[in-house]
Full PDB file with SEQRES, HELIX, SHEET, SSBOND, CRYST1, ORIGX, SCALE, CONECT and MASTER records, all heavy atoms in Angstrom:
SEQRES   1 A   42  LEU THR GLN HIS GLU SER LEU PRO ILE ILE SER GLY LEU          
SEQRES   2 A   42  ASP LEU THR LEU THR PHE ASN ARG GLY LEU SER TRP SER          
SEQRES   3 A   42  ILE LEU SER PHE ASP SER THR THR TYR PHE GLY VAL LEU          
SEQRES   4 A   42  THR ALA PHE                                                  
HELIX    1 AA1 SER A   24  SER A   26  5                                   3    
HELIX    2 AA2 THR A   33  ALA A   41  1                                   9    
SHEET    1 AA1 2 SER A   6  ILE A  10  0                                        
SHEET    2 AA1 2 LEU A  13  THR A  16 -1                                        
CRYST1    1.000    1.000    1.000  90.00  90.00  90.00 P 1           1          
ORIGX1      1.000000  0.000000  0.000000        0.00000                         
ORIGX2      0.000000  1.000000  0.000000        0.00000                         
ORIGX3      0.000000  0.000000  1.000000        0.00000                         
SCALE1      1.000000  0.000000  0.000000        0.00000                         
SCALE2      0.000000  1.000000  0.000000        0.00000                         
SCALE3      0.000000  0.000000  1.000000        0.00000                         
ATOM      1  N   LEU A   1      -8.425 -21.864 -11.839  1.00  0.00           N  
ATOM      2  CA  LEU A   1      -8.164 -20.391 -11.920  1.00  0.00           C  
ATOM      3  C   LEU A   1      -6.614 -20.235 -11.969  1.00  0.00           C  
ATOM      4  O   LEU A   1      -5.887 -20.908 -11.286  1.00  0.00           O  
ATOM      5  CB  LEU A   1      -8.692 -19.752 -10.675  1.00  0.00           C  
ATOM      6  CG  LEU A   1     -10.217 -19.861 -10.447  1.00  0.00           C  
ATOM      7  CD1 LEU A   1     -10.632 -19.230  -9.116  1.00  0.00           C  
ATOM      8  CD2 LEU A   1     -10.946 -19.115 -11.572  1.00  0.00           C  
ATOM      9  N   THR A   2      -6.274 -19.206 -12.655  1.00  0.00           N  
ATOM     10  CA  THR A   2      -4.818 -18.789 -12.657  1.00  0.00           C  
ATOM     11  C   THR A   2      -4.656 -17.702 -11.612  1.00  0.00           C  
ATOM     12  O   THR A   2      -5.472 -16.830 -11.431  1.00  0.00           O  
ATOM     13  CB  THR A   2      -4.416 -18.209 -14.033  1.00  0.00           C  
ATOM     14  OG1 THR A   2      -4.701 -19.164 -15.072  1.00  0.00           O  
ATOM     15  CG2 THR A   2      -2.986 -17.816 -14.134  1.00  0.00           C  
ATOM     16  N   GLN A   3      -3.542 -17.832 -10.812  1.00  0.00           N  
ATOM     17  CA  GLN A   3      -3.314 -16.920  -9.705  1.00  0.00           C  
ATOM     18  C   GLN A   3      -3.378 -15.533 -10.074  1.00  0.00           C  
ATOM     19  O   GLN A   3      -2.801 -15.146 -11.038  1.00  0.00           O  
ATOM     20  CB  GLN A   3      -2.018 -17.265  -8.975  1.00  0.00           C  
ATOM     21  CG  GLN A   3      -1.927 -16.520  -7.720  1.00  0.00           C  
ATOM     22  CD  GLN A   3      -0.689 -17.091  -6.796  1.00  0.00           C  
ATOM     23  OE1 GLN A   3       0.016 -17.867  -7.277  1.00  0.00           O  
ATOM     24  NE2 GLN A   3      -0.584 -16.546  -5.657  1.00  0.00           N  
ATOM     25  N   HIS A   4      -4.206 -14.742  -9.479  1.00  0.00           N  
ATOM     26  CA  HIS A   4      -4.462 -13.315  -9.545  1.00  0.00           C  
ATOM     27  C   HIS A   4      -5.145 -12.850 -10.855  1.00  0.00           C  
ATOM     28  O   HIS A   4      -5.264 -11.658 -11.107  1.00  0.00           O  
ATOM     29  CB  HIS A   4      -3.078 -12.547  -9.415  1.00  0.00           C  
ATOM     30  CG  HIS A   4      -2.469 -12.715  -8.085  1.00  0.00           C  
ATOM     31  ND1 HIS A   4      -3.017 -12.312  -6.910  1.00  0.00           N  
ATOM     32  CD2 HIS A   4      -1.317 -13.342  -7.772  1.00  0.00           C  
ATOM     33  CE1 HIS A   4      -2.216 -12.625  -5.886  1.00  0.00           C  
ATOM     34  NE2 HIS A   4      -1.171 -13.232  -6.370  1.00  0.00           N  
ATOM     35  N   GLU A   5      -5.545 -13.781 -11.659  1.00  0.00           N  
ATOM     36  CA  GLU A   5      -6.412 -13.427 -12.844  1.00  0.00           C  
ATOM     37  C   GLU A   5      -7.813 -13.649 -12.465  1.00  0.00           C  
ATOM     38  O   GLU A   5      -8.179 -14.649 -11.892  1.00  0.00           O  
ATOM     39  CB  GLU A   5      -6.044 -14.227 -14.138  1.00  0.00           C  
ATOM     40  CG  GLU A   5      -4.701 -13.803 -14.684  1.00  0.00           C  
ATOM     41  CD  GLU A   5      -4.409 -14.547 -15.975  1.00  0.00           C  
ATOM     42  OE1 GLU A   5      -5.388 -14.927 -16.667  1.00  0.00           O  
ATOM     43  OE2 GLU A   5      -3.206 -14.718 -16.351  1.00  0.00           O  
ATOM     44  N   SER A   6      -8.714 -12.751 -12.800  1.00  0.00           N  
ATOM     45  CA  SER A   6     -10.061 -12.781 -12.334  1.00  0.00           C  
ATOM     46  C   SER A   6     -11.024 -13.429 -13.351  1.00  0.00           C  
ATOM     47  O   SER A   6     -10.879 -13.249 -14.582  1.00  0.00           O  
ATOM     48  CB  SER A   6     -10.665 -11.394 -12.028  1.00  0.00           C  
ATOM     49  OG  SER A   6      -9.960 -10.819 -11.006  1.00  0.00           O  
ATOM     50  N   LEU A   7     -11.977 -14.274 -12.900  1.00  0.00           N  
ATOM     51  CA  LEU A   7     -12.960 -14.820 -13.699  1.00  0.00           C  
ATOM     52  C   LEU A   7     -14.310 -14.177 -13.247  1.00  0.00           C  
ATOM     53  O   LEU A   7     -14.818 -14.429 -12.221  1.00  0.00           O  
ATOM     54  CB  LEU A   7     -13.152 -16.334 -13.435  1.00  0.00           C  
ATOM     55  CG  LEU A   7     -14.255 -17.104 -14.165  1.00  0.00           C  
ATOM     56  CD1 LEU A   7     -14.117 -16.982 -15.639  1.00  0.00           C  
ATOM     57  CD2 LEU A   7     -14.360 -18.507 -13.657  1.00  0.00           C  
ATOM     58  N   PRO A   8     -14.791 -13.264 -14.089  1.00  0.00           N  
ATOM     59  CA  PRO A   8     -16.083 -12.553 -13.761  1.00  0.00           C  
ATOM     60  C   PRO A   8     -17.234 -13.462 -13.691  1.00  0.00           C  
ATOM     61  O   PRO A   8     -17.418 -14.346 -14.550  1.00  0.00           O  
ATOM     62  CB  PRO A   8     -16.202 -11.489 -14.842  1.00  0.00           C  
ATOM     63  CG  PRO A   8     -14.983 -11.500 -15.627  1.00  0.00           C  
ATOM     64  CD  PRO A   8     -14.293 -12.778 -15.400  1.00  0.00           C  
ATOM     65  N   ILE A   9     -18.014 -13.343 -12.632  1.00  0.00           N  
ATOM     66  CA  ILE A   9     -19.243 -14.163 -12.465  1.00  0.00           C  
ATOM     67  C   ILE A   9     -20.509 -13.233 -12.739  1.00  0.00           C  
ATOM     68  O   ILE A   9     -21.206 -13.508 -13.601  1.00  0.00           O  
ATOM     69  CB  ILE A   9     -19.382 -14.768 -11.062  1.00  0.00           C  
ATOM     70  CG1 ILE A   9     -18.110 -15.623 -10.726  1.00  0.00           C  
ATOM     71  CG2 ILE A   9     -20.639 -15.558 -10.870  1.00  0.00           C  
ATOM     72  CD1 ILE A   9     -17.937 -16.816 -11.716  1.00  0.00           C  
ATOM     73  N   ILE A  10     -20.644 -12.219 -11.944  1.00  0.00           N  
ATOM     74  CA  ILE A  10     -21.653 -11.179 -12.119  1.00  0.00           C  
ATOM     75  C   ILE A  10     -20.992  -9.888 -11.769  1.00  0.00           C  
ATOM     76  O   ILE A  10     -19.863  -9.875 -11.133  1.00  0.00           O  
ATOM     77  CB  ILE A  10     -22.942 -11.414 -11.314  1.00  0.00           C  
ATOM     78  CG1 ILE A  10     -22.653 -11.504  -9.766  1.00  0.00           C  
ATOM     79  CG2 ILE A  10     -23.644 -12.647 -11.809  1.00  0.00           C  
ATOM     80  CD1 ILE A  10     -23.780 -11.485  -8.837  1.00  0.00           C  
ATOM     81  N   SER A  11     -21.623  -8.732 -11.989  1.00  0.00           N  
ATOM     82  CA  SER A  11     -21.068  -7.496 -11.591  1.00  0.00           C  
ATOM     83  C   SER A  11     -20.909  -7.473 -10.020  1.00  0.00           C  
ATOM     84  O   SER A  11     -21.916  -7.678  -9.356  1.00  0.00           O  
ATOM     85  CB  SER A  11     -22.047  -6.376 -12.024  1.00  0.00           C  
ATOM     86  OG  SER A  11     -21.473  -5.086 -11.636  1.00  0.00           O  
ATOM     87  N   GLY A  12     -19.753  -7.218  -9.583  1.00  0.00           N  
ATOM     88  CA  GLY A  12     -19.510  -7.181  -8.152  1.00  0.00           C  
ATOM     89  C   GLY A  12     -18.972  -8.477  -7.608  1.00  0.00           C  
ATOM     90  O   GLY A  12     -18.666  -8.599  -6.404  1.00  0.00           O  
ATOM     91  N   LEU A  13     -18.828  -9.527  -8.432  1.00  0.00           N  
ATOM     92  CA  LEU A  13     -18.295 -10.848  -7.980  1.00  0.00           C  
ATOM     93  C   LEU A  13     -17.457 -11.521  -9.024  1.00  0.00           C  
ATOM     94  O   LEU A  13     -17.892 -11.783 -10.100  1.00  0.00           O  
ATOM     95  CB  LEU A  13     -19.546 -11.751  -7.650  1.00  0.00           C  
ATOM     96  CG  LEU A  13     -19.179 -13.190  -7.227  1.00  0.00           C  
ATOM     97  CD1 LEU A  13     -18.348 -13.170  -5.908  1.00  0.00           C  
ATOM     98  CD2 LEU A  13     -20.345 -14.081  -7.060  1.00  0.00           C  
ATOM     99  N   ASP A  14     -16.204 -11.685  -8.709  1.00  0.00           N  
ATOM    100  CA  ASP A  14     -15.204 -12.353  -9.518  1.00  0.00           C  
ATOM    101  C   ASP A  14     -14.678 -13.595  -8.726  1.00  0.00           C  
ATOM    102  O   ASP A  14     -14.788 -13.565  -7.470  1.00  0.00           O  
ATOM    103  CB  ASP A  14     -14.033 -11.504 -10.002  1.00  0.00           C  
ATOM    104  CG  ASP A  14     -14.478 -10.371 -10.932  1.00  0.00           C  
ATOM    105  OD1 ASP A  14     -15.617 -10.407 -11.385  1.00  0.00           O  
ATOM    106  OD2 ASP A  14     -13.631  -9.515 -11.094  1.00  0.00           O  
ATOM    107  N   LEU A  15     -14.070 -14.456  -9.448  1.00  0.00           N  
ATOM    108  CA  LEU A  15     -13.311 -15.521  -8.755  1.00  0.00           C  
ATOM    109  C   LEU A  15     -11.863 -15.282  -9.101  1.00  0.00           C  
ATOM    110  O   LEU A  15     -11.512 -15.189 -10.254  1.00  0.00           O  
ATOM    111  CB  LEU A  15     -13.696 -16.933  -9.252  1.00  0.00           C  
ATOM    112  CG  LEU A  15     -15.212 -17.307  -9.039  1.00  0.00           C  
ATOM    113  CD1 LEU A  15     -15.520 -18.710  -9.607  1.00  0.00           C  
ATOM    114  CD2 LEU A  15     -15.530 -17.247  -7.554  1.00  0.00           C  
ATOM    115  N   THR A  16     -11.062 -15.079  -8.037  1.00  0.00           N  
ATOM    116  CA  THR A  16      -9.665 -14.713  -8.226  1.00  0.00           C  
ATOM    117  C   THR A  16      -8.851 -15.599  -7.310  1.00  0.00           C  
ATOM    118  O   THR A  16      -8.964 -15.451  -6.066  1.00  0.00           O  
ATOM    119  CB  THR A  16      -9.380 -13.257  -7.908  1.00  0.00           C  
ATOM    120  OG1 THR A  16     -10.283 -12.506  -8.686  1.00  0.00           O  
ATOM    121  CG2 THR A  16      -7.994 -12.813  -8.147  1.00  0.00           C  
ATOM    122  N   LEU A  17      -7.948 -16.451  -7.723  1.00  0.00           N  
ATOM    123  CA  LEU A  17      -7.143 -17.319  -6.919  1.00  0.00           C  
ATOM    124  C   LEU A  17      -6.005 -16.508  -6.217  1.00  0.00           C  
ATOM    125  O   LEU A  17      -5.161 -15.917  -6.886  1.00  0.00           O  
ATOM    126  CB  LEU A  17      -6.546 -18.447  -7.716  1.00  0.00           C  
ATOM    127  CG  LEU A  17      -5.687 -19.452  -6.988  1.00  0.00           C  
ATOM    128  CD1 LEU A  17      -6.506 -20.289  -5.917  1.00  0.00           C  
ATOM    129  CD2 LEU A  17      -5.005 -20.408  -7.959  1.00  0.00           C  
ATOM    130  N   THR A  18      -5.938 -16.622  -4.874  1.00  0.00           N  
ATOM    131  CA  THR A  18      -4.900 -16.030  -4.123  1.00  0.00           C  
ATOM    132  C   THR A  18      -4.516 -17.032  -3.050  1.00  0.00           C  
ATOM    133  O   THR A  18      -5.322 -17.955  -2.682  1.00  0.00           O  
ATOM    134  CB  THR A  18      -5.302 -14.711  -3.479  1.00  0.00           C  
ATOM    135  OG1 THR A  18      -6.296 -14.893  -2.598  1.00  0.00           O  
ATOM    136  CG2 THR A  18      -5.591 -13.654  -4.502  1.00  0.00           C  
ATOM    137  N   PHE A  19      -3.374 -16.867  -2.463  1.00  0.00           N  
ATOM    138  CA  PHE A  19      -2.901 -17.660  -1.341  1.00  0.00           C  
ATOM    139  C   PHE A  19      -2.620 -16.746  -0.173  1.00  0.00           C  
ATOM    140  O   PHE A  19      -1.560 -15.966  -0.242  1.00  0.00           O  
ATOM    141  CB  PHE A  19      -1.720 -18.526  -1.687  1.00  0.00           C  
ATOM    142  CG  PHE A  19      -2.043 -19.580  -2.700  1.00  0.00           C  
ATOM    143  CD1 PHE A  19      -1.949 -19.287  -4.040  1.00  0.00           C  
ATOM    144  CD2 PHE A  19      -2.373 -20.845  -2.281  1.00  0.00           C  
ATOM    145  CE1 PHE A  19      -2.263 -20.271  -4.995  1.00  0.00           C  
ATOM    146  CE2 PHE A  19      -2.758 -21.860  -3.265  1.00  0.00           C  
ATOM    147  CZ  PHE A  19      -2.663 -21.558  -4.575  1.00  0.00           C  
ATOM    148  N   ASN A  20      -3.300 -16.843   0.919  1.00  0.00           N  
ATOM    149  CA  ASN A  20      -3.143 -15.899   2.052  1.00  0.00           C  
ATOM    150  C   ASN A  20      -2.193 -16.560   3.093  1.00  0.00           C  
ATOM    151  O   ASN A  20      -2.553 -17.560   3.686  1.00  0.00           O  
ATOM    152  CB  ASN A  20      -4.565 -15.604   2.611  1.00  0.00           C  
ATOM    153  CG  ASN A  20      -4.493 -14.777   3.887  1.00  0.00           C  
ATOM    154  OD1 ASN A  20      -3.464 -14.285   4.271  1.00  0.00           O  
ATOM    155  ND2 ASN A  20      -5.610 -14.621   4.528  1.00  0.00           N  
ATOM    156  N   ARG A  21      -1.059 -15.902   3.329  1.00  0.00           N  
ATOM    157  CA  ARG A  21      -0.140 -16.417   4.271  1.00  0.00           C  
ATOM    158  C   ARG A  21      -0.306 -15.803   5.733  1.00  0.00           C  
ATOM    159  O   ARG A  21       0.378 -16.146   6.658  1.00  0.00           O  
ATOM    160  CB  ARG A  21       1.270 -16.110   3.825  1.00  0.00           C  
ATOM    161  CG  ARG A  21       1.665 -16.983   2.603  1.00  0.00           C  
ATOM    162  CD  ARG A  21       3.062 -16.639   2.066  1.00  0.00           C  
ATOM    163  NE  ARG A  21       4.121 -16.805   3.016  1.00  0.00           N  
ATOM    164  CZ  ARG A  21       4.736 -17.941   3.351  1.00  0.00           C  
ATOM    165  NH1 ARG A  21       4.409 -19.022   2.781  1.00  0.00           N  
ATOM    166  NH2 ARG A  21       5.682 -17.909   4.222  1.00  0.00           N  
ATOM    167  N   GLY A  22      -1.210 -14.840   5.840  1.00  0.00           N  
ATOM    168  CA  GLY A  22      -1.487 -14.185   7.069  1.00  0.00           C  
ATOM    169  C   GLY A  22      -2.757 -14.718   7.714  1.00  0.00           C  
ATOM    170  O   GLY A  22      -3.170 -15.815   7.567  1.00  0.00           O  
ATOM    171  N   LEU A  23      -3.359 -13.761   8.487  1.00  0.00           N  
ATOM    172  CA  LEU A  23      -4.667 -14.081   9.179  1.00  0.00           C  
ATOM    173  C   LEU A  23      -5.703 -13.638   8.140  1.00  0.00           C  
ATOM    174  O   LEU A  23      -5.497 -13.408   6.973  1.00  0.00           O  
ATOM    175  CB  LEU A  23      -4.780 -13.248  10.433  1.00  0.00           C  
ATOM    176  CG  LEU A  23      -3.724 -13.632  11.514  1.00  0.00           C  
ATOM    177  CD1 LEU A  23      -3.860 -12.797  12.737  1.00  0.00           C  
ATOM    178  CD2 LEU A  23      -3.853 -15.098  11.962  1.00  0.00           C  
ATOM    179  N   SER A  24      -6.975 -13.431   8.668  1.00  0.00           N  
ATOM    180  CA  SER A  24      -8.044 -12.953   7.792  1.00  0.00           C  
ATOM    181  C   SER A  24      -7.665 -11.708   7.076  1.00  0.00           C  
ATOM    182  O   SER A  24      -7.066 -10.838   7.613  1.00  0.00           O  
ATOM    183  CB  SER A  24      -9.205 -12.667   8.722  1.00  0.00           C  
ATOM    184  OG  SER A  24      -9.682 -13.858   9.361  1.00  0.00           O  
ATOM    185  N   TRP A  25      -8.029 -11.688   5.809  1.00  0.00           N  
ATOM    186  CA  TRP A  25      -7.753 -10.519   4.925  1.00  0.00           C  
ATOM    187  C   TRP A  25      -6.252 -10.243   4.774  1.00  0.00           C  
ATOM    188  O   TRP A  25      -5.904  -9.085   4.655  1.00  0.00           O  
ATOM    189  CB  TRP A  25      -8.544  -9.263   5.380  1.00  0.00           C  
ATOM    190  CG  TRP A  25      -9.991  -9.537   5.507  1.00  0.00           C  
ATOM    191  CD1 TRP A  25     -10.786 -10.157   4.618  1.00  0.00           C  
ATOM    192  CD2 TRP A  25     -10.825  -9.349   6.683  1.00  0.00           C  
ATOM    193  NE1 TRP A  25     -12.081 -10.239   5.156  1.00  0.00           N  
ATOM    194  CE2 TRP A  25     -12.128  -9.732   6.475  1.00  0.00           C  
ATOM    195  CE3 TRP A  25     -10.528  -8.803   7.931  1.00  0.00           C  
ATOM    196  CZ2 TRP A  25     -13.136  -9.622   7.334  1.00  0.00           C  
ATOM    197  CZ3 TRP A  25     -11.551  -8.649   8.888  1.00  0.00           C  
ATOM    198  CH2 TRP A  25     -12.775  -9.104   8.561  1.00  0.00           C  
ATOM    199  N   SER A  26      -5.448 -11.248   4.944  1.00  0.00           N  
ATOM    200  CA  SER A  26      -3.968 -11.089   4.791  1.00  0.00           C  
ATOM    201  C   SER A  26      -3.303 -10.231   5.870  1.00  0.00           C  
ATOM    202  O   SER A  26      -2.208  -9.802   5.709  1.00  0.00           O  
ATOM    203  CB  SER A  26      -3.568 -10.649   3.451  1.00  0.00           C  
ATOM    204  OG  SER A  26      -3.935 -11.547   2.418  1.00  0.00           O  
ATOM    205  N   ILE A  27      -4.029  -9.971   6.931  1.00  0.00           N  
ATOM    206  CA  ILE A  27      -3.402  -9.251   8.080  1.00  0.00           C  
ATOM    207  C   ILE A  27      -2.228 -10.104   8.552  1.00  0.00           C  
ATOM    208  O   ILE A  27      -2.299 -11.313   8.748  1.00  0.00           O  
ATOM    209  CB  ILE A  27      -4.476  -9.063   9.194  1.00  0.00           C  
ATOM    210  CG1 ILE A  27      -5.618  -8.147   8.690  1.00  0.00           C  
ATOM    211  CG2 ILE A  27      -3.829  -8.386  10.412  1.00  0.00           C  
ATOM    212  CD1 ILE A  27      -6.777  -8.040   9.658  1.00  0.00           C  
ATOM    213  N   LEU A  28      -1.132  -9.431   8.939  1.00  0.00           N  
ATOM    214  CA  LEU A  28       0.054 -10.033   9.383  1.00  0.00           C  
ATOM    215  C   LEU A  28       0.679 -11.035   8.420  1.00  0.00           C  
ATOM    216  O   LEU A  28       1.226 -12.060   8.831  1.00  0.00           O  
ATOM    217  CB  LEU A  28      -0.205 -10.799  10.780  1.00  0.00           C  
ATOM    218  CG  LEU A  28      -0.689  -9.911  11.870  1.00  0.00           C  
ATOM    219  CD1 LEU A  28      -0.960 -10.786  13.162  1.00  0.00           C  
ATOM    220  CD2 LEU A  28       0.297  -8.821  12.236  1.00  0.00           C  
ATOM    221  N   SER A  29       0.568 -10.724   7.180  1.00  0.00           N  
ATOM    222  CA  SER A  29       1.126 -11.583   6.159  1.00  0.00           C  
ATOM    223  C   SER A  29       2.548 -11.195   5.796  1.00  0.00           C  
ATOM    224  O   SER A  29       2.775  -9.981   5.425  1.00  0.00           O  
ATOM    225  CB  SER A  29       0.237 -11.564   4.926  1.00  0.00           C  
ATOM    226  OG  SER A  29       0.768 -12.420   3.871  1.00  0.00           O  
ATOM    227  N   PHE A  30       3.486 -12.107   5.953  1.00  0.00           N  
ATOM    228  CA  PHE A  30       4.859 -11.772   5.631  1.00  0.00           C  
ATOM    229  C   PHE A  30       5.448 -12.925   4.802  1.00  0.00           C  
ATOM    230  O   PHE A  30       4.928 -14.040   4.848  1.00  0.00           O  
ATOM    231  CB  PHE A  30       5.697 -11.593   6.912  1.00  0.00           C  
ATOM    232  CG  PHE A  30       5.264 -10.457   7.709  1.00  0.00           C  
ATOM    233  CD1 PHE A  30       4.464 -10.624   8.825  1.00  0.00           C  
ATOM    234  CD2 PHE A  30       5.670  -9.177   7.441  1.00  0.00           C  
ATOM    235  CE1 PHE A  30       3.970  -9.603   9.612  1.00  0.00           C  
ATOM    236  CE2 PHE A  30       5.307  -8.063   8.224  1.00  0.00           C  
ATOM    237  CZ  PHE A  30       4.452  -8.331   9.300  1.00  0.00           C  
ATOM    238  N   ASP A  31       6.513 -12.692   4.098  1.00  0.00           N  
ATOM    239  CA  ASP A  31       7.175 -13.729   3.286  1.00  0.00           C  
ATOM    240  C   ASP A  31       8.033 -14.668   4.121  1.00  0.00           C  
ATOM    241  O   ASP A  31       8.435 -15.668   3.696  1.00  0.00           O  
ATOM    242  CB  ASP A  31       8.051 -13.088   2.167  1.00  0.00           C  
ATOM    243  CG  ASP A  31       7.212 -12.498   1.113  1.00  0.00           C  
ATOM    244  OD1 ASP A  31       6.105 -12.898   0.946  1.00  0.00           O  
ATOM    245  OD2 ASP A  31       7.718 -11.518   0.443  1.00  0.00           O  
ATOM    246  N   SER A  32       8.391 -14.327   5.301  1.00  0.00           N  
ATOM    247  CA  SER A  32       9.247 -15.078   6.189  1.00  0.00           C  
ATOM    248  C   SER A  32       8.688 -16.454   6.481  1.00  0.00           C  
ATOM    249  O   SER A  32       7.603 -16.643   7.007  1.00  0.00           O  
ATOM    250  CB  SER A  32       9.501 -14.332   7.520  1.00  0.00           C  
ATOM    251  OG  SER A  32      10.065 -15.254   8.490  1.00  0.00           O  
ATOM    252  N   THR A  33       9.476 -17.554   6.163  1.00  0.00           N  
ATOM    253  CA  THR A  33       9.056 -18.877   6.448  1.00  0.00           C  
ATOM    254  C   THR A  33       8.904 -19.149   7.895  1.00  0.00           C  
ATOM    255  O   THR A  33       8.019 -19.836   8.410  1.00  0.00           O  
ATOM    256  CB  THR A  33      10.053 -19.876   5.809  1.00  0.00           C  
ATOM    257  OG1 THR A  33      10.139 -19.574   4.346  1.00  0.00           O  
ATOM    258  CG2 THR A  33       9.546 -21.319   6.001  1.00  0.00           C  
ATOM    259  N   THR A  34       9.862 -18.577   8.687  1.00  0.00           N  
ATOM    260  CA  THR A  34       9.804 -18.754  10.183  1.00  0.00           C  
ATOM    261  C   THR A  34       8.582 -18.136  10.719  1.00  0.00           C  
ATOM    262  O   THR A  34       7.768 -18.739  11.518  1.00  0.00           O  
ATOM    263  CB  THR A  34      11.101 -18.130  10.788  1.00  0.00           C  
ATOM    264  OG1 THR A  34      12.249 -18.730  10.308  1.00  0.00           O  
ATOM    265  CG2 THR A  34      11.050 -18.262  12.318  1.00  0.00           C  
ATOM    266  N   TYR A  35       8.237 -16.894  10.308  1.00  0.00           N  
ATOM    267  CA  TYR A  35       7.048 -16.158  10.819  1.00  0.00           C  
ATOM    268  C   TYR A  35       5.806 -17.005  10.464  1.00  0.00           C  
ATOM    269  O   TYR A  35       4.898 -17.204  11.148  1.00  0.00           O  
ATOM    270  CB  TYR A  35       6.997 -14.765  10.270  1.00  0.00           C  
ATOM    271  CG  TYR A  35       5.770 -14.054  10.717  1.00  0.00           C  
ATOM    272  CD1 TYR A  35       5.713 -13.546  11.973  1.00  0.00           C  
ATOM    273  CD2 TYR A  35       4.719 -13.945   9.931  1.00  0.00           C  
ATOM    274  CE1 TYR A  35       4.526 -12.883  12.445  1.00  0.00           C  
ATOM    275  CE2 TYR A  35       3.546 -13.302  10.283  1.00  0.00           C  
ATOM    276  CZ  TYR A  35       3.468 -12.789  11.596  1.00  0.00           C  
ATOM    277  OH  TYR A  35       2.359 -12.165  11.992  1.00  0.00           O  
ATOM    278  N   PHE A  36       5.766 -17.486   9.183  1.00  0.00           N  
ATOM    279  CA  PHE A  36       4.631 -18.281   8.726  1.00  0.00           C  
ATOM    280  C   PHE A  36       4.438 -19.557   9.540  1.00  0.00           C  
ATOM    281  O   PHE A  36       3.369 -19.883   9.918  1.00  0.00           O  
ATOM    282  CB  PHE A  36       4.782 -18.665   7.242  1.00  0.00           C  
ATOM    283  CG  PHE A  36       3.674 -19.482   6.686  1.00  0.00           C  
ATOM    284  CD1 PHE A  36       2.484 -18.903   6.333  1.00  0.00           C  
ATOM    285  CD2 PHE A  36       3.895 -20.862   6.501  1.00  0.00           C  
ATOM    286  CE1 PHE A  36       1.426 -19.764   5.932  1.00  0.00           C  
ATOM    287  CE2 PHE A  36       2.881 -21.637   5.977  1.00  0.00           C  
ATOM    288  CZ  PHE A  36       1.667 -21.106   5.732  1.00  0.00           C  
ATOM    289  N   GLY A  37       5.537 -20.181   9.907  1.00  0.00           N  
ATOM    290  CA  GLY A  37       5.476 -21.409  10.708  1.00  0.00           C  
ATOM    291  C   GLY A  37       5.021 -21.140  12.111  1.00  0.00           C  
ATOM    292  O   GLY A  37       4.132 -21.886  12.606  1.00  0.00           O  
ATOM    293  N   VAL A  38       5.391 -20.014  12.679  1.00  0.00           N  
ATOM    294  CA  VAL A  38       4.992 -19.720  14.037  1.00  0.00           C  
ATOM    295  C   VAL A  38       3.518 -19.300  14.008  1.00  0.00           C  
ATOM    296  O   VAL A  38       2.741 -19.712  14.897  1.00  0.00           O  
ATOM    297  CB  VAL A  38       5.877 -18.515  14.598  1.00  0.00           C  
ATOM    298  CG1 VAL A  38       5.288 -17.905  15.891  1.00  0.00           C  
ATOM    299  CG2 VAL A  38       7.359 -19.021  14.806  1.00  0.00           C  
ATOM    300  N   LEU A  39       3.166 -18.479  13.061  1.00  0.00           N  
ATOM    301  CA  LEU A  39       1.780 -18.094  12.868  1.00  0.00           C  
ATOM    302  C   LEU A  39       0.825 -19.354  12.698  1.00  0.00           C  
ATOM    303  O   LEU A  39      -0.209 -19.388  13.381  1.00  0.00           O  
ATOM    304  CB  LEU A  39       1.583 -17.119  11.721  1.00  0.00           C  
ATOM    305  CG  LEU A  39       0.182 -16.523  11.574  1.00  0.00           C  
ATOM    306  CD1 LEU A  39      -0.327 -15.795  12.848  1.00  0.00           C  
ATOM    307  CD2 LEU A  39       0.094 -15.567  10.406  1.00  0.00           C  
ATOM    308  N   THR A  40       1.296 -20.244  11.846  1.00  0.00           N  
ATOM    309  CA  THR A  40       0.489 -21.456  11.600  1.00  0.00           C  
ATOM    310  C   THR A  40       0.410 -22.343  12.894  1.00  0.00           C  
ATOM    311  O   THR A  40      -0.747 -22.803  13.170  1.00  0.00           O  
ATOM    312  CB  THR A  40       1.135 -22.285  10.479  1.00  0.00           C  
ATOM    313  OG1 THR A  40       1.099 -21.435   9.293  1.00  0.00           O  
ATOM    314  CG2 THR A  40       0.323 -23.587  10.202  1.00  0.00           C  
ATOM    315  N   ALA A  41       1.494 -22.438  13.675  1.00  0.00           N  
ATOM    316  CA  ALA A  41       1.358 -23.182  14.896  1.00  0.00           C  
ATOM    317  C   ALA A  41       0.451 -22.502  15.856  1.00  0.00           C  
ATOM    318  O   ALA A  41      -0.303 -23.074  16.541  1.00  0.00           O  
ATOM    319  CB  ALA A  41       2.806 -23.272  15.552  1.00  0.00           C  
ATOM    320  N   PHE A  42       0.462 -21.183  15.958  1.00  0.00           N  
ATOM    321  CA  PHE A  42      -0.382 -20.422  16.793  1.00  0.00           C  
ATOM    322  C   PHE A  42      -1.855 -20.631  16.454  1.00  0.00           C  
ATOM    323  O   PHE A  42      -2.729 -20.807  17.269  1.00  0.00           O  
ATOM    324  CB  PHE A  42       0.003 -18.938  16.786  1.00  0.00           C  
ATOM    325  CG  PHE A  42      -0.953 -18.009  17.587  1.00  0.00           C  
ATOM    326  CD1 PHE A  42      -0.873 -18.006  18.980  1.00  0.00           C  
ATOM    327  CD2 PHE A  42      -1.890 -17.192  16.926  1.00  0.00           C  
ATOM    328  CE1 PHE A  42      -1.691 -17.197  19.721  1.00  0.00           C  
ATOM    329  CE2 PHE A  42      -2.696 -16.394  17.697  1.00  0.00           C  
ATOM    330  CZ  PHE A  42      -2.681 -16.462  19.073  1.00  0.00           C  
TER     331      PHE A  42                                                      
MASTER        0    0    0    2    2    0    0    6  330    1    0    4          
END                                                                             
């Protein structure tokens, strides 16, 4: 998969490559490397 391009499977379901740097559903996702490291350690 190419990042952020969707591959349709059926109506209501696609495959879309993303990388989540936060918690579930990208909650608390920031670009900061320090924050990412602290969150990952936690």
